[in-house]
Amino acid sequence: MSNYHVTQKKGQEGWNVQKEGGKKASAVVSTQKQAEQLAKQFSSNNGGGEVRIHRQNGGPIRDSDTVKPGNDPKSIKDTKH
């Protein structure tokens, strides 16, 4: 499984898509929505996993979404995504 994080570093205008454990961003785009879509696409292409979306300026995780066929730790249906 491939987990990805959507982050924005302090002082940075764009949003990073970074594979968990990676040293560099896989992509940098102008909006959080674009970054989230790319992260989900990258994760799906690599067998699924979790996409974790952080708050602006290096903030904590505000949302997480499982990309199929990843294993969702919660058995409830995700009504947000």
PDB file of N, CA and C in Angstrom:
ATOM      1  N   MET A   1       0.831  -1.182   0.000  1.00  0.00           N
ATOM      2  CA  MET A   1       0.000   0.000   0.000  1.00  0.00           C
ATOM      3  C   MET A   1       0.877   1.247   0.000  1.00  0.00           C
ATOM      4  N   SER A   2       0.373   2.289  -0.607  1.00  0.00           N
ATOM      5  CA  SER A   2       1.091   3.551  -0.678  1.00  0.00           C
ATOM      6  C   SER A   2       0.274   4.654  -0.018  1.00  0.00           C
ATOM      7  N   ASN A   3       0.803   5.172   1.073  1.00  0.00           N
ATOM      8  CA  ASN A   3       0.155   6.278   1.771  1.00  0.00           C
ATOM      9  C   ASN A   3       0.778   7.590   1.312  1.00  0.00           C
ATOM     10  N   TYR A   4      -0.066   8.601   1.149  1.00  0.00           N
ATOM     11  CA  TYR A   4       0.396   9.915   0.705  1.00  0.00           C
ATOM     12  C   TYR A   4      -0.116  10.992   1.651  1.00  0.00           C
ATOM     13  N   HIS A   5       0.655  12.065   1.770  1.00  0.00           N
ATOM     14  CA  HIS A   5       0.289  13.220   2.578  1.00  0.00           C
ATOM     15  C   HIS A   5       0.167  14.443   1.679  1.00  0.00           C
ATOM     16  N   VAL A   6      -0.852  15.260   1.939  1.00  0.00           N
ATOM     17  CA  VAL A   6      -1.071  16.534   1.250  1.00  0.00           C
ATOM     18  C   VAL A   6      -0.722  17.613   2.270  1.00  0.00           C
ATOM     19  N   THR A   7       0.356  18.357   2.003  1.00  0.00           N
ATOM     20  CA  THR A   7       0.843  19.338   2.973  1.00  0.00           C
ATOM     21  C   THR A   7       1.180  20.663   2.303  1.00  0.00           C
ATOM     22  N   GLN A   8       1.241  21.673   3.130  1.00  0.00           N
ATOM     23  CA  GLN A   8       1.703  22.989   2.693  1.00  0.00           C
ATOM     24  C   GLN A   8       2.660  23.483   3.765  1.00  0.00           C
ATOM     25  N   LYS A   9       3.895  23.734   3.375  1.00  0.00           N
ATOM     26  CA  LYS A   9       4.884  24.211   4.337  1.00  0.00           C
ATOM     27  C   LYS A   9       4.677  25.698   4.600  1.00  0.00           C
ATOM     28  N   LYS A  10       5.064  26.130   5.790  1.00  0.00           N
ATOM     29  CA  LYS A  10       4.931  27.546   6.140  1.00  0.00           C
ATOM     30  C   LYS A  10       5.634  28.413   5.107  1.00  0.00           C
ATOM     31  N   GLY A  11       4.954  29.449   4.664  1.00  0.00           N
ATOM     32  CA  GLY A  11       5.518  30.372   3.692  1.00  0.00           C
ATOM     33  C   GLY A  11       5.429  29.907   2.251  1.00  0.00           C
ATOM     34  N   GLN A  12       4.966  28.695   2.020  1.00  0.00           N
ATOM     35  CA  GLN A  12       4.848  28.147   0.667  1.00  0.00           C
ATOM     36  C   GLN A  12       3.451  28.421   0.136  1.00  0.00           C
ATOM     37  N   GLU A  13       3.350  28.767  -1.116  1.00  0.00           N
ATOM     38  CA  GLU A  13       2.042  29.022  -1.715  1.00  0.00           C
ATOM     39  C   GLU A  13       1.380  27.750  -2.217  1.00  0.00           C
ATOM     40  N   GLY A  14       2.152  26.823  -2.761  1.00  0.00           N
ATOM     41  CA  GLY A  14       1.590  25.597  -3.327  1.00  0.00           C
ATOM     42  C   GLY A  14       1.419  24.500  -2.287  1.00  0.00           C
ATOM     43  N   TRP A  15       0.790  23.418  -2.734  1.00  0.00           N
ATOM     44  CA  TRP A  15       0.542  22.247  -1.896  1.00  0.00           C
ATOM     45  C   TRP A  15       1.375  21.074  -2.390  1.00  0.00           C
ATOM     46  N   ASN A  16       1.973  20.338  -1.460  1.00  0.00           N
ATOM     47  CA  ASN A  16       2.813  19.185  -1.781  1.00  0.00           C
ATOM     48  C   ASN A  16       2.020  17.892  -1.709  1.00  0.00           C
ATOM     49  N   VAL A  17       2.331  16.972  -2.614  1.00  0.00           N
ATOM     50  CA  VAL A  17       1.856  15.603  -2.544  1.00  0.00           C
ATOM     51  C   VAL A  17       3.102  14.779  -2.284  1.00  0.00           C
ATOM     52  N   GLN A  18       3.159  14.132  -1.122  1.00  0.00           N
ATOM     53  CA  GLN A  18       4.376  13.417  -0.752  1.00  0.00           C
ATOM     54  C   GLN A  18       4.055  12.016  -0.257  1.00  0.00           C
ATOM     55  N   LYS A  19       4.759  11.043  -0.812  1.00  0.00           N
ATOM     56  CA  LYS A  19       4.594   9.664  -0.378  1.00  0.00           C
ATOM     57  C   LYS A  19       5.152   9.534   1.035  1.00  0.00           C
ATOM     58  N   GLU A  20       4.447   8.800   1.868  1.00  0.00           N
ATOM     59  CA  GLU A  20       4.881   8.613   3.252  1.00  0.00           C
ATOM     60  C   GLU A  20       6.282   8.004   3.271  1.00  0.00           C
ATOM     61  N   GLY A  21       7.178   8.649   3.996  1.00  0.00           N
ATOM     62  CA  GLY A  21       8.551   8.197   4.078  1.00  0.00           C
ATOM     63  C   GLY A  21       9.454   8.777   3.000  1.00  0.00           C
ATOM     64  N   GLY A  22       8.864   9.474   2.035  1.00  0.00           N
ATOM     65  CA  GLY A  22       9.645  10.072   0.956  1.00  0.00           C
ATOM     66  C   GLY A  22      10.351  11.338   1.397  1.00  0.00           C
ATOM     67  N   LYS A  23      11.447  11.652   0.738  1.00  0.00           N
ATOM     68  CA  LYS A  23      12.216  12.848   1.084  1.00  0.00           C
ATOM     69  C   LYS A  23      11.788  14.078   0.290  1.00  0.00           C
ATOM     70  N   LYS A  24      11.230  13.848  -0.894  1.00  0.00           N
ATOM     71  CA  LYS A  24      10.812  14.955  -1.761  1.00  0.00           C
ATOM     72  C   LYS A  24       9.342  14.807  -2.126  1.00  0.00           C
ATOM     73  N   ALA A  25       8.739  15.927  -2.476  1.00  0.00           N
ATOM     74  CA  ALA A  25       7.350  15.903  -2.928  1.00  0.00           C
ATOM     75  C   ALA A  25       7.264  15.230  -4.297  1.00  0.00           C
ATOM     76  N   SER A  26       6.234  14.424  -4.485  1.00  0.00           N
ATOM     77  CA  SER A  26       5.979  13.800  -5.789  1.00  0.00           C
ATOM     78  C   SER A  26       5.421  14.816  -6.767  1.00  0.00           C
ATOM     79  N   ALA A  27       4.731  15.837  -6.220  1.00  0.00           N
ATOM     80  CA  ALA A  27       4.155  16.907  -7.039  1.00  0.00           C
ATOM     81  C   ALA A  27       3.897  18.118  -6.156  1.00  0.00           C
ATOM     82  N   VAL A  28       3.922  19.299  -6.767  1.00  0.00           N
ATOM     83  CA  VAL A  28       3.547  20.542  -6.099  1.00  0.00           C
ATOM     84  C   VAL A  28       2.540  21.233  -7.004  1.00  0.00           C
ATOM     85  N   VAL A  29       1.357  21.520  -6.456  1.00  0.00           N
ATOM     86  CA  VAL A  29       0.287  22.145  -7.231  1.00  0.00           C
ATOM     87  C   VAL A  29      -0.241  23.364  -6.481  1.00  0.00           C
ATOM     88  N   SER A  30      -1.075  24.144  -7.145  1.00  0.00           N
ATOM     89  CA  SER A  30      -1.491  25.418  -6.560  1.00  0.00           C
ATOM     90  C   SER A  30      -2.619  25.311  -5.533  1.00  0.00           C
ATOM     91  N   THR A  31      -3.463  24.265  -5.599  1.00  0.00           N
ATOM     92  CA  THR A  31      -4.568  24.181  -4.640  1.00  0.00           C
ATOM     93  C   THR A  31      -4.544  22.862  -3.876  1.00  0.00           C
ATOM     94  N   GLN A  32      -5.158  22.897  -2.699  1.00  0.00           N
ATOM     95  CA  GLN A  32      -5.251  21.697  -1.871  1.00  0.00           C
ATOM     96  C   GLN A  32      -6.109  20.631  -2.565  1.00  0.00           C
ATOM     97  N   LYS A  33      -7.157  21.049  -3.223  1.00  0.00           N
ATOM     98  CA  LYS A  33      -8.046  20.115  -3.925  1.00  0.00           C
ATOM     99  C   LYS A  33      -7.291  19.359  -5.019  1.00  0.00           C
ATOM    100  N   GLN A  34      -6.472  20.081  -5.802  1.00  0.00           N
ATOM    101  CA  GLN A  34      -5.662  19.430  -6.842  1.00  0.00           C
ATOM    102  C   GLN A  34      -4.698  18.425  -6.212  1.00  0.00           C
ATOM    103  N   ALA A  35      -4.084  18.817  -5.109  1.00  0.00           N
ATOM    104  CA  ALA A  35      -3.126  17.942  -4.428  1.00  0.00           C
ATOM    105  C   ALA A  35      -3.816  16.685  -3.913  1.00  0.00           C
ATOM    106  N   GLU A  36      -5.004  16.837  -3.364  1.00  0.00           N
ATOM    107  CA  GLU A  36      -5.758  15.691  -2.855  1.00  0.00           C
ATOM    108  C   GLU A  36      -6.101  14.725  -3.994  1.00  0.00           C
ATOM    109  N   GLN A  37      -6.537  15.254  -5.131  1.00  0.00           N
ATOM    110  CA  GLN A  37      -6.877  14.407  -6.284  1.00  0.00           C
ATOM    111  C   GLN A  37      -5.651  13.650  -6.788  1.00  0.00           C
ATOM    112  N   LEU A  38      -4.517  14.346  -6.881  1.00  0.00           N
ATOM    113  CA  LEU A  38      -3.279  13.694  -7.331  1.00  0.00           C
ATOM    114  C   LEU A  38      -2.838  12.612  -6.357  1.00  0.00           C
ATOM    115  N   ALA A  39      -2.907  12.909  -5.057  1.00  0.00           N
ATOM    116  CA  ALA A  39      -2.508  11.935  -4.041  1.00  0.00           C
ATOM    117  C   ALA A  39      -3.350  10.666  -4.158  1.00  0.00           C
ATOM    118  N   LYS A  40      -4.647  10.824  -4.380  1.00  0.00           N
ATOM    119  CA  LYS A  40      -5.532   9.671  -4.527  1.00  0.00           C
ATOM    120  C   LYS A  40      -5.191   8.882  -5.788  1.00  0.00           C
ATOM    121  N   GLN A  41      -4.860   9.591  -6.860  1.00  0.00           N
ATOM    122  CA  GLN A  41      -4.479   8.929  -8.112  1.00  0.00           C
ATOM    123  C   GLN A  41      -3.168   8.157  -7.920  1.00  0.00           C
ATOM    124  N   PHE A  42      -2.167   8.790  -7.303  1.00  0.00           N
ATOM    125  CA  PHE A  42      -0.877   8.130  -7.066  1.00  0.00           C
ATOM    126  C   PHE A  42      -1.062   6.887  -6.193  1.00  0.00           C
ATOM    127  N   SER A  43      -1.851   7.027  -5.131  1.00  0.00           N
ATOM    128  CA  SER A  43      -2.080   5.906  -4.227  1.00  0.00           C
ATOM    129  C   SER A  43      -2.786   4.760  -4.940  1.00  0.00           C
ATOM    130  N   SER A  44      -3.795   5.086  -5.726  1.00  0.00           N
ATOM    131  CA  SER A  44      -4.527   4.072  -6.478  1.00  0.00           C
ATOM    132  C   SER A  44      -3.613   3.334  -7.452  1.00  0.00           C
ATOM    133  N   ASN A  45      -2.746   4.071  -8.125  1.00  0.00           N
ATOM    134  CA  ASN A  45      -1.808   3.468  -9.079  1.00  0.00           C
ATOM    135  C   ASN A  45      -0.805   2.544  -8.406  1.00  0.00           C
ATOM    136  N   ASN A  46      -0.626   2.708  -7.089  1.00  0.00           N
ATOM    137  CA  ASN A  46       0.341   1.907  -6.352  1.00  0.00           C
ATOM    138  C   ASN A  46      -0.320   0.918  -5.393  1.00  0.00           C
ATOM    139  N   GLY A  47      -1.552   0.517  -5.680  1.00  0.00           N
ATOM    140  CA  GLY A  47      -2.213  -0.514  -4.891  1.00  0.00           C
ATOM    141  C   GLY A  47      -3.085  -0.017  -3.757  1.00  0.00           C
ATOM    142  N   GLY A  48      -3.353   1.275  -3.702  1.00  0.00           N
ATOM    143  CA  GLY A  48      -4.228   1.824  -2.671  1.00  0.00           C
ATOM    144  C   GLY A  48      -3.479   2.181  -1.403  1.00  0.00           C
ATOM    145  N   GLY A  49      -4.190   2.784  -0.471  1.00  0.00           N
ATOM    146  CA  GLY A  49      -3.599   3.192   0.797  1.00  0.00           C
ATOM    147  C   GLY A  49      -4.391   4.338   1.396  1.00  0.00           C
ATOM    148  N   GLU A  50      -3.747   5.110   2.261  1.00  0.00           N
ATOM    149  CA  GLU A  50      -4.374   6.245   2.919  1.00  0.00           C
ATOM    150  C   GLU A  50      -3.852   7.556   2.342  1.00  0.00           C
ATOM    151  N   VAL A  51      -4.751   8.511   2.165  1.00  0.00           N
ATOM    152  CA  VAL A  51      -4.368   9.880   1.795  1.00  0.00           C
ATOM    153  C   VAL A  51      -4.703  10.739   3.004  1.00  0.00           C
ATOM    154  N   ARG A  52      -3.695  11.398   3.541  1.00  0.00           N
ATOM    155  CA  ARG A  52      -3.875  12.231   4.731  1.00  0.00           C
ATOM    156  C   ARG A  52      -3.710  13.696   4.341  1.00  0.00           C
ATOM    157  N   ILE A  53      -4.765  14.475   4.593  1.00  0.00           N
ATOM    158  CA  ILE A  53      -4.776  15.881   4.213  1.00  0.00           C
ATOM    159  C   ILE A  53      -4.507  16.725   5.457  1.00  0.00           C
ATOM    160  N   HIS A  54      -3.452  17.522   5.389  1.00  0.00           N
ATOM    161  CA  HIS A  54      -3.059  18.365   6.515  1.00  0.00           C
ATOM    162  C   HIS A  54      -3.644  19.765   6.375  1.00  0.00           C
ATOM    163  N   ARG A  55      -3.687  20.481   7.480  1.00  0.00           N
ATOM    164  CA  ARG A  55      -4.115  21.878   7.470  1.00  0.00           C
ATOM    165  C   ARG A  55      -3.017  22.737   6.843  1.00  0.00           C
ATOM    166  N   GLN A  56      -3.364  23.993   6.555  1.00  0.00           N
ATOM    167  CA  GLN A  56      -2.403  24.921   5.949  1.00  0.00           C
ATOM    168  C   GLN A  56      -1.206  25.153   6.854  1.00  0.00           C
ATOM    169  N   ASN A  57      -0.105  25.563   6.229  1.00  0.00           N
ATOM    170  CA  ASN A  57       1.129  25.973   6.913  1.00  0.00           C
ATOM    171  C   ASN A  57       1.688  24.925   7.858  1.00  0.00           C
ATOM    172  N   GLY A  58       1.677  23.671   7.419  1.00  0.00           N
ATOM    173  CA  GLY A  58       2.295  22.607   8.201  1.00  0.00           C
ATOM    174  C   GLY A  58       1.474  22.130   9.374  1.00  0.00           C
ATOM    175  N   GLY A  59       0.185  22.379   9.340  1.00  0.00           N
ATOM    176  CA  GLY A  59      -0.691  22.001  10.444  1.00  0.00           C
ATOM    177  C   GLY A  59      -0.930  20.504  10.529  1.00  0.00           C
ATOM    178  N   PRO A  60      -1.675  20.089  11.577  1.00  0.00           N
ATOM    179  CA  PRO A  60      -1.955  18.662  11.783  1.00  0.00           C
ATOM    180  C   PRO A  60      -2.915  18.116  10.722  1.00  0.00           C
ATOM    181  N   ILE A  61      -3.080  16.808  10.711  1.00  0.00           N
ATOM    182  CA  ILE A  61      -3.986  16.143   9.778  1.00  0.00           C
ATOM    183  C   ILE A  61      -5.411  16.579  10.080  1.00  0.00           C
ATOM    184  N   ARG A  62      -6.123  17.016   9.043  1.00  0.00           N
ATOM    185  CA  ARG A  62      -7.510  17.430   9.223  1.00  0.00           C
ATOM    186  C   ARG A  62      -8.485  16.406   8.671  1.00  0.00           C
ATOM    187  N   ASP A  63      -7.997  15.516   7.789  1.00  0.00           N
ATOM    188  CA  ASP A  63      -8.866  14.515   7.187  1.00  0.00           C
ATOM    189  C   ASP A  63      -8.003  13.389   6.621  1.00  0.00           C
ATOM    190  N   SER A  64      -8.602  12.225   6.480  1.00  0.00           N
ATOM    191  CA  SER A  64      -7.916  11.069   5.916  1.00  0.00           C
ATOM    192  C   SER A  64      -8.922  10.296   5.086  1.00  0.00           C
ATOM    193  N   ASP A  65      -8.458   9.710   3.996  1.00  0.00           N
ATOM    194  CA  ASP A  65      -9.348   8.957   3.130  1.00  0.00           C
ATOM    195  C   ASP A  65      -8.631   7.710   2.637  1.00  0.00           C
ATOM    196  N   THR A  66      -9.331   6.582   2.632  1.00  0.00           N
ATOM    197  CA  THR A  66      -8.777   5.325   2.141  1.00  0.00           C
ATOM    198  C   THR A  66      -9.014   5.220   0.651  1.00  0.00           C
ATOM    199  N   VAL A  67      -7.956   4.881  -0.070  1.00  0.00           N
ATOM    200  CA  VAL A  67      -8.036   4.679  -1.516  1.00  0.00           C
ATOM    201  C   VAL A  67      -8.018   3.168  -1.753  1.00  0.00           C
ATOM    202  N   LYS A  68      -9.013   2.685  -2.474  1.00  0.00           N
ATOM    203  CA  LYS A  68      -9.121   1.240  -2.726  1.00  0.00           C
ATOM    204  C   LYS A  68      -7.932   0.749  -3.513  1.00  0.00           C
ATOM    205  N   PRO A  69      -7.505  -0.453  -3.327  1.00  0.00           N
ATOM    206  CA  PRO A  69      -8.042  -1.490  -2.453  1.00  0.00           C
ATOM    207  C   PRO A  69      -7.420  -1.483  -1.057  1.00  0.00           C
ATOM    208  N   GLY A  70      -7.026  -0.350  -0.550  1.00  0.00           N
ATOM    209  CA  GLY A  70      -6.434  -0.250   0.785  1.00  0.00           C
ATOM    210  C   GLY A  70      -7.365  -0.748   1.871  1.00  0.00           C
ATOM    211  N   ASN A  71      -6.809  -1.037   3.032  1.00  0.00           N
ATOM    212  CA  ASN A  71      -7.596  -1.531   4.161  1.00  0.00           C
ATOM    213  C   ASN A  71      -8.005  -0.372   5.047  1.00  0.00           C
ATOM    214  N   ASP A  72      -9.292  -0.108   5.097  1.00  0.00           N
ATOM    215  CA  ASP A  72      -9.809   0.962   5.942  1.00  0.00           C
ATOM    216  C   ASP A  72      -9.905   0.443   7.372  1.00  0.00           C
ATOM    217  N   PRO A  73      -9.238   1.102   8.334  1.00  0.00           N
ATOM    218  CA  PRO A  73      -9.273   0.624   9.707  1.00  0.00           C
ATOM    219  C   PRO A  73     -10.656   0.727  10.342  1.00  0.00           C
ATOM    220  N   LYS A  74     -11.536   1.500   9.764  1.00  0.00           N
ATOM    221  CA  LYS A  74     -12.905   1.621  10.263  1.00  0.00           C
ATOM    222  C   LYS A  74     -13.835   0.902   9.298  1.00  0.00           C
ATOM    223  N   SER A  75     -14.768   0.146   9.848  1.00  0.00           N
ATOM    224  CA  SER A  75     -15.658  -0.625   8.985  1.00  0.00           C
ATOM    225  C   SER A  75     -16.891   0.176   8.553  1.00  0.00           C
ATOM    226  N   ILE A  76     -17.014   1.420   9.003  1.00  0.00           N
ATOM    227  CA  ILE A  76     -18.167   2.233   8.614  1.00  0.00           C
ATOM    228  C   ILE A  76     -17.954   2.840   7.241  1.00  0.00           C
ATOM    229  N   LYS A  77     -19.057   3.178   6.592  1.00  0.00           N
ATOM    230  CA  LYS A  77     -18.965   3.820   5.267  1.00  0.00           C
ATOM    231  C   LYS A  77     -18.523   5.262   5.407  1.00  0.00           C
ATOM    232  N   ASP A  78     -17.632   5.693   4.535  1.00  0.00           N
ATOM    233  CA  ASP A  78     -17.154   7.071   4.510  1.00  0.00           C
ATOM    234  C   ASP A  78     -18.160   7.899   3.723  1.00  0.00           C
ATOM    235  N   THR A  79     -18.860   8.792   4.399  1.00  0.00           N
ATOM    236  CA  THR A  79     -19.887   9.605   3.729  1.00  0.00           C
ATOM    237  C   THR A  79     -19.328  10.929   3.236  1.00  0.00           C
ATOM    238  N   LYS A  80     -18.078  11.226   3.563  1.00  0.00           N
ATOM    239  CA  LYS A  80     -17.462  12.495   3.190  1.00  0.00           C
ATOM    240  C   LYS A  80     -16.907  12.477   1.766  1.00  0.00           C
ATOM    241  N   HIS A  81     -16.426  11.335   1.320  1.00  0.00           N
ATOM    242  CA  HIS A  81     -15.723  11.245   0.035  1.00  0.00           C
ATOM    243  C   HIS A  81     -16.408  10.287  -0.896  1.00  0.00           C
TER     244      HIS A  81
END
